[in-house]
Amino acid sequence: VVRKTVGYCRYETEDELLLLNQLYSLLRLYTNFFQPDTKLVFKEQVNRKVKKHDDEAKTP
């Protein structure tokens, strides 16, 4: 989520750090309260591999 929002640039100054911290506080709220999320329903093992089954994504 973070790299998708701010990219892969290198941020080194104090001003950039302050801006990123402000952005992260808002991004945390957006991600936790407004983005769809899935829950793990069950796992099954098929030939030594574990397959995970999730329910449909729902907004909180």
C-alpha atoms as a PDB file:
ATOM      1  CA  VAL A   1       0.000   0.000   0.000  1.00  0.00           C
ATOM      2  CA  VAL A   2       2.781   2.414   0.886  1.00  0.00           C
ATOM      3  CA  ARG A   3       4.887   1.895  -2.250  1.00  0.00           C
ATOM      4  CA  LYS A   4       1.784   2.099  -4.411  1.00  0.00           C
ATOM      5  CA  THR A   5       1.018   5.505  -2.882  1.00  0.00           C
ATOM      6  CA  VAL A   6       4.439   7.189  -2.552  1.00  0.00           C
ATOM      7  CA  GLY A   7       6.512   5.239  -5.072  1.00  0.00           C
ATOM      8  CA  TYR A   8      10.043   3.890  -4.810  1.00  0.00           C
ATOM      9  CA  CYS A   9      11.945   7.179  -4.549  1.00  0.00           C
ATOM     10  CA  ARG A  10      14.389   7.815  -1.738  1.00  0.00           C
ATOM     11  CA  TYR A  11      13.237  10.442   0.759  1.00  0.00           C
ATOM     12  CA  GLU A  12      16.065  11.814   2.913  1.00  0.00           C
ATOM     13  CA  THR A  13      15.256  15.263   4.303  1.00  0.00           C
ATOM     14  CA  GLU A  14      13.418  16.185   7.498  1.00  0.00           C
ATOM     15  CA  ASP A  15      10.729  17.985   5.483  1.00  0.00           C
ATOM     16  CA  GLU A  16      10.060  14.860   3.440  1.00  0.00           C
ATOM     17  CA  LEU A  17       9.885  12.803   6.623  1.00  0.00           C
ATOM     18  CA  LEU A  18       7.264  15.121   8.099  1.00  0.00           C
ATOM     19  CA  LEU A  19       5.179  14.973   4.926  1.00  0.00           C
ATOM     20  CA  LEU A  20       5.418  11.174   4.763  1.00  0.00           C
ATOM     21  CA  ASN A  21       4.354  10.828   8.404  1.00  0.00           C
ATOM     22  CA  GLN A  22       1.306  13.006   7.748  1.00  0.00           C
ATOM     23  CA  LEU A  23       0.482  10.960   4.676  1.00  0.00           C
ATOM     24  CA  TYR A  24       0.887   7.664   6.559  1.00  0.00           C
ATOM     25  CA  SER A  25      -1.529   8.738   9.283  1.00  0.00           C
ATOM     26  CA  LEU A  26      -4.204   9.467   6.661  1.00  0.00           C
ATOM     27  CA  LEU A  27      -3.350   6.413   4.570  1.00  0.00           C
ATOM     28  CA  ARG A  28      -3.734   4.165   7.618  1.00  0.00           C
ATOM     29  CA  LEU A  29      -7.300   5.372   8.153  1.00  0.00           C
ATOM     30  CA  TYR A  30      -8.173   4.995   4.477  1.00  0.00           C
ATOM     31  CA  THR A  31      -6.754   1.469   4.301  1.00  0.00           C
ATOM     32  CA  ASN A  32      -8.315   0.216   7.536  1.00  0.00           C
ATOM     33  CA  PHE A  33     -11.786   1.716   7.156  1.00  0.00           C
ATOM     34  CA  PHE A  34     -12.544   2.040   3.447  1.00  0.00           C
ATOM     35  CA  GLN A  35     -10.728  -0.716   1.544  1.00  0.00           C
ATOM     36  CA  PRO A  36     -12.364  -4.111   0.932  1.00  0.00           C
ATOM     37  CA  ASP A  37     -10.979  -6.964   2.989  1.00  0.00           C
ATOM     38  CA  THR A  38     -11.246 -10.752   2.785  1.00  0.00           C
ATOM     39  CA  LYS A  39     -11.302 -13.268   5.599  1.00  0.00           C
ATOM     40  CA  LEU A  40      -9.802 -16.732   5.443  1.00  0.00           C
ATOM     41  CA  VAL A  41     -12.622 -19.298   5.482  1.00  0.00           C
ATOM     42  CA  PHE A  42     -10.549 -22.481   5.464  1.00  0.00           C
ATOM     43  CA  LYS A  43      -7.337 -24.094   4.225  1.00  0.00           C
ATOM     44  CA  GLU A  44      -7.054 -27.439   2.504  1.00  0.00           C
ATOM     45  CA  GLN A  45      -4.003 -29.486   1.679  1.00  0.00           C
ATOM     46  CA  VAL A  46      -3.767 -30.801  -1.879  1.00  0.00           C
ATOM     47  CA  ASN A  47      -0.696 -32.877  -2.743  1.00  0.00           C
ATOM     48  CA  ARG A  48       1.605 -31.260  -0.162  1.00  0.00           C
ATOM     49  CA  LYS A  49       0.416 -27.749  -1.087  1.00  0.00           C
ATOM     50  CA  VAL A  50      -1.915 -25.683   1.043  1.00  0.00           C
ATOM     51  CA  LYS A  51      -4.747 -23.954  -0.800  1.00  0.00           C
ATOM     52  CA  LYS A  52      -6.414 -21.050   1.003  1.00  0.00           C
ATOM     53  CA  HIS A  53     -10.081 -20.204   0.498  1.00  0.00           C
ATOM     54  CA  ASP A  54     -11.262 -16.675   1.248  1.00  0.00           C
ATOM     55  CA  ASP A  55     -14.736 -15.209   1.380  1.00  0.00           C
ATOM     56  CA  GLU A  56     -15.768 -12.331  -0.903  1.00  0.00           C
ATOM     57  CA  ALA A  57     -14.170  -8.972  -0.228  1.00  0.00           C
ATOM     58  CA  LYS A  58     -16.380  -6.648   1.819  1.00  0.00           C
ATOM     59  CA  THR A  59     -15.873  -3.096   2.956  1.00  0.00           C
ATOM     60  CA  PRO A  60     -15.756  -2.714   6.737  1.00  0.00           C
END
